[in-house]
Amino acid sequence: MAGYVGDGPAVAAAGGGPVLRGEASQQRLEVVQLVKQSVRHDIPLQRHDPSPGSQPQLTCSLHALISQEGRTVKETEVTARRTQAQRRAATRQALIDSGRALFAQQGFAGVGREEIVARAGVTRGAMYHYFPSKEDLFQAVYETVEQDLLQAVAEAASADTDPVSQLRLGTEAFLRSAATEEIRRISLIDAPAVLSKRTRRQLDEQYGLGLVREALTAVHAAGRLRVGPPAVLAPLLLAAMHEAATQIADGAAAAQIIATVDDLIGHITAPP
């Protein structure tokens, strides 16, 4: 058959001239080498003819294609991992948001797990995956509430540059927040009952106590602290602030409580 390299002495080449059996074998060998060079990057090219239709240029194209496919696969894997991490973070945040709203409305004891997962739009198994118990979810909610409260207090204090004024402004912002249902329910009523004393102390150190100590340290650095070192005074002042906030949450006149605490700050600090 024409064009087939078989037992005959010669066949018709693509260009019309005869090709001997040995030459055809050499062509097959070059094709095999080309494929090997395309797959194995450690085999150097024998020729690099710059002509557009040359075999080495095809080899380079195959190299580029293989490399591009490898990069695409890796990028896809990274994107998939990132997307999965984002989905997990979104699920966890949905549970925290759901618990925060329900705990503020109904209190810890009045909220069931089914209500939490239904509002979050997730399964009960997802809740157990991120929060093995309702208490674990409450702690995450409490920390989120404390973080937001501290940010609000810090923003209120930053309205003035005087350290004593900053202490007063921050304290007032904290006490006024006690009138909100979220702070009253989650931070002042349920937190002492749900969280262990050790956990509350650790969280106080991380959030409220740290901020009060920082404020008193600034007052002390300005030479205007009349009573004790900041490390000793901070937990005492924070305890007074918590008691004042609890009274406000229980219905006491907020203006009177705030004025009393402000007067206390006036006694432990000195004028400029």
Protein backbone atom coordinates (compact mmCIF):
# COMPACT_ATOMS: atom_id res chain seq x y z
CA MET A 1 0.00 0.00 0.00
CA ALA A 2 1.32 3.44 -0.87
CA GLY A 3 2.78 5.40 2.04
CA TYR A 4 3.30 2.33 4.28
CA VAL A 5 6.79 1.29 5.36
CA GLY A 6 6.62 -2.44 5.11
CA ASP A 7 8.62 -5.19 3.45
CA GLY A 8 9.10 -3.31 0.19
CA PRO A 9 12.32 -1.50 -0.53
CA ALA A 10 10.88 2.01 -0.49
CA VAL A 11 7.76 4.12 -0.02
CA ALA A 12 6.63 7.52 -1.23
CA ALA A 13 7.73 10.36 1.04
CA ALA A 14 5.56 13.34 1.88
CA GLY A 15 7.48 15.43 -0.59
CA GLY A 16 7.12 12.82 -3.34
CA GLY A 17 10.70 11.39 -3.23
CA PRO A 18 11.59 7.87 -2.16
CA VAL A 19 12.40 7.15 1.48
CA LEU A 20 14.53 4.15 2.30
CA ARG A 21 13.61 1.83 5.15
CA GLY A 22 16.56 3.03 7.24
CA GLU A 23 15.57 6.67 6.82
CA ALA A 24 12.04 5.92 7.94
CA SER A 25 13.39 4.24 11.05
CA GLN A 26 15.49 7.36 11.73
CA GLN A 27 12.35 9.51 11.44
CA ARG A 28 10.50 7.30 13.93
CA LEU A 29 13.47 7.57 16.30
CA GLU A 30 13.39 11.38 16.10
CA VAL A 31 9.67 11.40 16.88
CA VAL A 32 10.24 9.19 19.93
CA GLN A 33 13.06 11.49 21.07
CA LEU A 34 10.76 14.49 20.59
CA VAL A 35 8.08 12.99 22.81
CA LYS A 36 10.64 12.09 25.47
CA GLN A 37 12.04 15.60 25.37
CA SER A 38 8.51 16.99 25.73
CA VAL A 39 7.85 15.03 28.92
CA ARG A 40 11.30 14.89 30.51
CA HIS A 41 12.73 18.30 31.21
CA ASP A 42 16.15 16.89 32.01
CA ILE A 43 16.85 15.78 28.39
CA PRO A 44 18.44 18.64 26.42
CA LEU A 45 17.12 19.40 22.98
CA GLN A 46 19.30 18.09 20.16
CA ARG A 47 18.34 20.86 17.79
CA HIS A 48 16.63 24.19 18.21
CA ASP A 49 15.66 25.20 14.75
CA PRO A 50 13.91 28.60 15.07
CA SER A 51 11.75 27.90 12.03
CA PRO A 52 8.02 28.10 12.87
CA GLY A 53 7.20 24.50 11.97
CA SER A 54 10.23 22.83 13.47
CA GLN A 55 10.04 19.94 15.94
CA PRO A 56 12.01 21.72 18.72
CA GLN A 57 9.54 24.60 18.66
CA LEU A 58 6.76 22.06 19.06
CA THR A 59 8.67 20.61 21.98
CA CYS A 60 8.92 24.05 23.62
CA SER A 61 5.20 24.52 23.09
CA LEU A 62 4.52 21.19 24.77
CA HIS A 63 6.79 22.19 27.66
CA ALA A 64 4.87 25.43 28.06
CA LEU A 65 1.54 23.63 27.91
CA ILE A 66 2.57 21.06 30.54
CA SER A 67 3.96 23.78 32.82
CA GLN A 68 0.81 25.87 32.42
CA GLU A 69 -1.41 22.89 33.22
CA GLY A 70 0.67 22.19 36.33
CA ARG A 71 0.31 25.76 37.51
CA THR A 72 -3.41 25.71 36.79
CA VAL A 73 -3.88 22.54 38.87
CA LYS A 74 -1.93 24.04 41.79
CA GLU A 75 -3.84 27.32 41.61
CA THR A 76 -7.12 25.41 41.55
CA GLU A 77 -6.10 23.42 44.63
CA VAL A 78 -5.11 26.60 46.50
CA THR A 79 -8.39 28.27 45.52
CA ALA A 80 -10.35 25.23 46.67
CA ARG A 81 -8.59 25.21 50.03
CA ARG A 82 -9.16 28.95 50.43
CA THR A 83 -12.81 28.62 49.50
CA GLN A 84 -13.26 25.76 51.97
CA ALA A 85 -11.63 27.81 54.72
CA GLN A 86 -13.91 30.72 53.88
CA ARG A 87 -16.97 28.47 54.07
CA ARG A 88 -15.88 27.17 57.47
CA ALA A 89 -15.28 30.69 58.77
CA ALA A 90 -18.68 31.77 57.43
CA THR A 91 -20.42 28.83 59.14
CA ARG A 92 -18.74 29.57 62.46
CA GLN A 93 -19.59 33.27 62.21
CA ALA A 94 -23.21 32.47 61.35
CA LEU A 95 -23.49 30.43 64.56
CA ILE A 96 -21.95 33.24 66.62
CA ASP A 97 -24.27 35.83 65.07
CA SER A 98 -27.28 33.60 65.68
CA GLY A 99 -26.31 32.92 69.29
CA ARG A 100 -25.60 36.59 69.91
CA ALA A 101 -29.03 37.68 68.74
CA LEU A 102 -30.89 34.91 70.57
CA PHE A 103 -28.93 35.18 73.84
CA ALA A 104 -29.57 38.93 73.90
CA GLN A 105 -33.30 38.43 73.31
CA GLN A 106 -34.06 35.37 75.43
CA GLY A 107 -31.07 34.80 77.68
CA PHE A 108 -28.79 31.77 77.72
CA ALA A 109 -31.23 29.43 79.45
CA GLY A 110 -34.11 30.38 77.17
CA VAL A 111 -32.39 29.44 73.90
CA GLY A 112 -32.31 25.91 72.49
CA ARG A 113 -29.78 24.47 70.07
CA GLU A 114 -32.44 23.97 67.42
CA GLU A 115 -33.26 27.67 67.48
CA ILE A 116 -29.59 28.55 67.07
CA VAL A 117 -28.96 26.30 64.07
CA ALA A 118 -32.26 27.25 62.45
CA ARG A 119 -31.46 30.95 62.64
CA ALA A 120 -27.89 30.34 61.46
CA GLY A 121 -29.09 28.21 58.55
CA VAL A 122 -26.73 25.33 59.36
CA THR A 123 -27.07 21.76 60.61
CA ARG A 124 -26.90 20.69 64.21
CA GLY A 125 -23.81 18.67 63.33
CA ALA A 126 -22.08 21.84 62.16
CA MET A 127 -22.76 23.47 65.51
CA TYR A 128 -21.27 20.51 67.40
CA HIS A 129 -18.27 20.60 65.08
CA TYR A 130 -17.39 24.19 65.97
CA PHE A 131 -18.96 24.39 69.42
CA PRO A 132 -19.26 21.05 71.25
CA SER A 133 -21.55 22.64 73.84
CA LYS A 134 -23.88 25.60 74.11
CA GLU A 135 -21.54 27.01 76.74
CA ASP A 136 -18.69 27.01 74.21
CA LEU A 137 -20.84 29.01 71.80
CA PHE A 138 -21.79 31.42 74.57
CA GLN A 139 -18.13 32.07 75.36
CA ALA A 140 -17.45 32.87 71.71
CA VAL A 141 -20.44 35.22 71.69
CA TYR A 142 -19.32 36.85 74.94
CA GLU A 143 -15.83 37.46 73.55
CA THR A 144 -17.28 39.03 70.41
CA VAL A 145 -19.51 41.32 72.48
CA GLU A 146 -16.55 42.32 74.67
CA GLN A 147 -14.40 43.08 71.64
CA ASP A 148 -17.08 45.34 70.18
CA LEU A 149 -17.62 47.03 73.55
CA LEU A 150 -13.90 47.70 73.99
CA GLN A 151 -13.73 49.21 70.54
CA ALA A 152 -16.63 51.53 71.35
CA VAL A 153 -15.02 52.52 74.67
CA ALA A 154 -11.66 53.19 73.00
CA GLU A 155 -13.31 55.32 70.33
CA ALA A 156 -15.16 57.35 72.97
CA ALA A 157 -11.96 57.88 74.97
CA SER A 158 -10.04 59.03 71.90
CA ALA A 159 -12.24 62.15 71.66
CA ASP A 160 -9.80 63.86 74.06
CA THR A 161 -6.03 63.80 74.43
CA ASP A 162 -5.91 64.38 78.19
CA PRO A 163 -5.38 61.01 79.96
CA VAL A 164 -7.81 61.74 82.80
CA SER A 165 -10.47 62.93 80.36
CA GLN A 166 -9.91 59.75 78.34
CA LEU A 167 -10.45 57.65 81.48
CA ARG A 168 -13.67 59.51 82.25
CA LEU A 169 -15.01 59.33 78.68
CA GLY A 170 -14.24 55.63 78.38
CA THR A 171 -15.86 54.86 81.73
CA GLU A 172 -18.99 56.75 80.79
CA ALA A 173 -19.24 54.91 77.46
CA PHE A 174 -18.90 51.58 79.27
CA LEU A 175 -21.61 52.44 81.81
CA ARG A 176 -24.04 53.71 79.19
CA SER A 177 -23.65 50.45 77.28
CA ALA A 178 -25.02 48.63 80.34
CA ALA A 179 -28.45 49.99 79.48
CA THR A 180 -28.49 48.06 76.19
CA GLU A 181 -30.22 44.68 76.26
CA GLU A 182 -27.26 42.88 74.71
CA ILE A 183 -24.74 43.99 77.34
CA ARG A 184 -27.24 43.56 80.16
CA ARG A 185 -28.19 40.01 79.20
CA ILE A 186 -24.93 38.59 77.87
CA SER A 187 -22.18 40.39 79.78
CA LEU A 188 -23.78 41.30 83.10
CA ILE A 189 -26.42 38.62 83.78
CA ASP A 190 -25.50 35.43 81.93
CA ALA A 191 -21.70 35.60 81.80
CA PRO A 192 -21.21 35.27 85.58
CA ALA A 193 -23.61 32.31 85.62
CA VAL A 194 -22.43 30.47 82.49
CA LEU A 195 -18.67 31.03 82.49
CA SER A 196 -16.38 29.72 85.20
CA LYS A 197 -14.66 32.18 87.49
CA ARG A 198 -11.30 31.27 85.98
CA THR A 199 -12.55 31.85 82.44
CA ARG A 200 -14.08 35.20 83.35
CA ARG A 201 -10.86 36.29 85.01
CA GLN A 202 -8.86 35.31 81.92
CA LEU A 203 -11.25 37.18 79.63
CA ASP A 204 -11.27 40.23 81.91
CA GLU A 205 -7.50 40.28 81.75
CA GLN A 206 -7.63 40.07 77.98
CA TYR A 207 -10.31 42.70 77.49
CA GLY A 208 -11.67 45.07 80.15
CA LEU A 209 -8.92 44.89 82.74
CA GLY A 210 -6.21 45.43 80.18
CA LEU A 211 -7.89 48.58 78.89
CA VAL A 212 -8.43 50.02 82.40
CA ARG A 213 -4.83 49.28 83.34
CA GLU A 214 -3.62 50.98 80.17
CA ALA A 215 -5.72 54.07 80.91
CA LEU A 216 -4.47 54.29 84.50
CA THR A 217 -0.88 53.81 83.34
CA ALA A 218 -1.27 56.83 81.06
CA VAL A 219 -2.63 58.89 83.97
CA HIS A 220 0.25 57.73 86.16
CA ALA A 221 2.80 58.62 83.46
CA ALA A 222 1.35 62.14 83.40
CA GLY A 223 1.93 62.39 87.17
CA ARG A 224 -1.78 62.67 87.94
CA LEU A 225 -2.62 59.40 89.68
CA ARG A 226 -3.20 59.96 93.41
CA VAL A 227 -3.90 56.39 94.53
CA GLY A 228 -1.69 53.31 94.22
CA PRO A 229 0.15 51.89 91.21
CA PRO A 230 -1.96 51.12 88.11
CA ALA A 231 -1.53 47.35 88.46
CA VAL A 232 -3.15 47.39 91.92
CA LEU A 233 -5.78 50.02 91.22
CA ALA A 234 -7.01 48.67 87.85
CA PRO A 235 -8.90 45.57 89.13
CA LEU A 236 -10.46 47.62 91.94
CA LEU A 237 -11.70 50.30 89.58
CA LEU A 238 -12.96 47.69 87.12
CA ALA A 239 -14.89 45.97 89.91
CA ALA A 240 -16.53 49.29 90.81
CA MET A 241 -17.39 49.85 87.15
CA HIS A 242 -18.95 46.38 86.88
CA GLU A 243 -21.05 46.98 89.97
CA ALA A 244 -22.19 50.33 88.63
CA ALA A 245 -23.04 48.75 85.26
CA THR A 246 -25.02 45.99 86.99
CA GLN A 247 -27.06 48.56 88.91
CA ILE A 248 -27.83 50.39 85.68
CA ALA A 249 -28.81 47.09 84.04
CA ASP A 250 -31.13 46.41 86.99
CA GLY A 251 -32.93 49.71 86.45
CA ALA A 252 -31.05 52.27 88.54
CA ALA A 253 -30.87 55.81 87.21
CA ALA A 254 -27.97 55.78 84.77
CA ALA A 255 -27.22 59.49 85.09
CA GLN A 256 -26.80 59.25 88.87
CA ILE A 257 -24.58 56.16 88.69
CA ILE A 258 -22.39 57.69 85.99
CA ALA A 259 -22.01 60.91 88.00
CA THR A 260 -21.00 58.93 91.10
CA VAL A 261 -18.33 56.93 89.25
CA ASP A 262 -17.04 60.11 87.61
CA ASP A 263 -16.72 61.65 91.07
CA LEU A 264 -14.74 58.59 92.16
CA ILE A 265 -12.35 59.08 89.24
CA GLY A 266 -11.96 62.70 90.33
CA HIS A 267 -10.81 61.53 93.78
CA ILE A 268 -8.13 59.15 92.48
CA THR A 269 -6.73 61.58 89.91
CA ALA A 270 -5.23 65.03 90.12
CA PRO A 271 -5.93 68.10 87.95
CA PRO A 272 -3.35 69.15 85.34
